[in-house]
Protein backbone atom coordinates (compact mmCIF):
# COMPACT_ATOMS: atom_id res chain seq x y z
CA UNK A 1 0.00 0.21 -0.04
CA UNK A 2 1.13 3.66 -0.79
CA UNK A 3 0.01 6.61 1.89
CA UNK A 4 -2.00 8.86 -0.62
CA UNK A 5 -2.89 11.54 2.29
CA UNK A 6 -2.83 12.12 5.83
CA UNK A 7 -5.88 13.36 7.57
CA UNK A 8 -4.06 14.01 11.39
CA UNK A 9 -3.52 10.92 12.69
CA UNK A 10 -4.89 8.58 9.92
CA UNK A 11 -2.76 7.73 6.61
CA UNK A 12 -5.14 6.85 3.55
CA UNK A 13 -3.74 3.99 2.40
CA UNK A 14 -4.20 2.81 -1.42
CA UNK A 15 -2.85 -0.03 -3.75
CA UNK A 16 -4.93 0.43 -7.13
CA UNK A 17 -6.71 -2.76 -6.46
CA UNK A 18 -8.41 -3.46 -3.65
CA UNK A 19 -7.85 -0.39 -2.46
CA UNK A 20 -8.49 2.32 -4.96
CA UNK A 21 -6.93 6.20 -5.20
CA UNK A 22 -11.04 6.61 -5.01
CA UNK A 23 -11.55 5.26 -1.76
CA UNK A 24 -8.42 4.98 0.57
CA UNK A 25 -8.10 2.69 3.27
CA UNK A 26 -7.76 5.27 6.97
CA UNK A 27 -5.63 3.77 8.84
CA UNK A 28 -3.80 5.19 12.25
CA UNK A 29 -0.36 5.76 11.93
CA UNK A 30 0.77 3.46 14.40
CA UNK A 31 -0.98 0.57 13.24
CA UNK A 32 1.37 0.77 9.87
CA UNK A 33 4.64 -0.01 9.39
CA UNK A 34 7.06 2.21 7.25
CA UNK A 35 8.54 0.52 4.10
CA UNK A 36 10.79 2.75 2.63
CA UNK A 37 10.14 3.66 -1.22
CA UNK A 38 10.46 7.53 -0.91
CA UNK A 39 12.57 7.05 -4.21
CA UNK A 40 10.22 5.96 -7.03
CA UNK A 41 8.49 8.11 -9.49
CA UNK A 42 4.74 7.80 -7.45
CA UNK A 43 6.54 8.94 -4.43
CA UNK A 44 7.55 12.31 -5.77
CA UNK A 45 3.84 12.73 -7.52
CA UNK A 46 2.45 12.06 -4.29
CA UNK A 47 4.19 14.45 -2.15
CA UNK A 48 4.16 17.12 -5.10
CA UNK A 49 -0.03 16.88 -5.22
CA UNK A 50 -0.50 15.52 -8.27
CA UNK A 51 -2.70 13.65 -9.47
CA UNK A 52 -1.95 9.23 -9.07
CA UNK A 53 -3.89 6.86 -10.93
CA UNK A 54 -4.49 3.28 -9.80
CA UNK A 55 -2.76 1.76 -12.53
CA UNK A 56 0.17 3.34 -11.67
CA UNK A 57 -0.02 2.38 -7.95
CA UNK A 58 -0.22 -1.22 -9.42
CA UNK A 59 2.71 -0.76 -11.58
CA UNK A 60 4.98 0.59 -9.00
CA UNK A 61 3.81 -1.93 -5.79
CA UNK A 62 4.39 -4.51 -8.47
CA UNK A 63 8.17 -3.38 -9.30
CA UNK A 64 8.90 -2.97 -5.40
CA UNK A 65 7.20 -5.84 -4.43
CA UNK A 66 8.30 -8.37 -6.77
CA UNK A 67 11.07 -6.67 -8.64
CA UNK A 68 8.79 -7.55 -11.80
CA UNK A 69 7.87 -6.14 -14.97
CA UNK A 70 7.42 -2.77 -14.79
CA UNK A 71 4.45 -2.81 -17.29
CA UNK A 72 2.42 -5.41 -15.71
CA UNK A 73 -1.07 -4.21 -14.08
CA UNK A 74 -3.17 -6.20 -12.02
């Protein structure tokens, strides 16, 4: 999951498939574990406030999790 926004002590998480950008999951910060992925292109888009698509989230998570094909969607 990626943190797509914050609301006080809550993080809004999305993965692009089960939890889409339009309806992120709300979790308390203390119930999450940070995994450093701050150097990805999508992380830069989220930090700058640009619109992120579900397919971009899926593609980036596939790259980070599996080291797989960047064109893979699913």
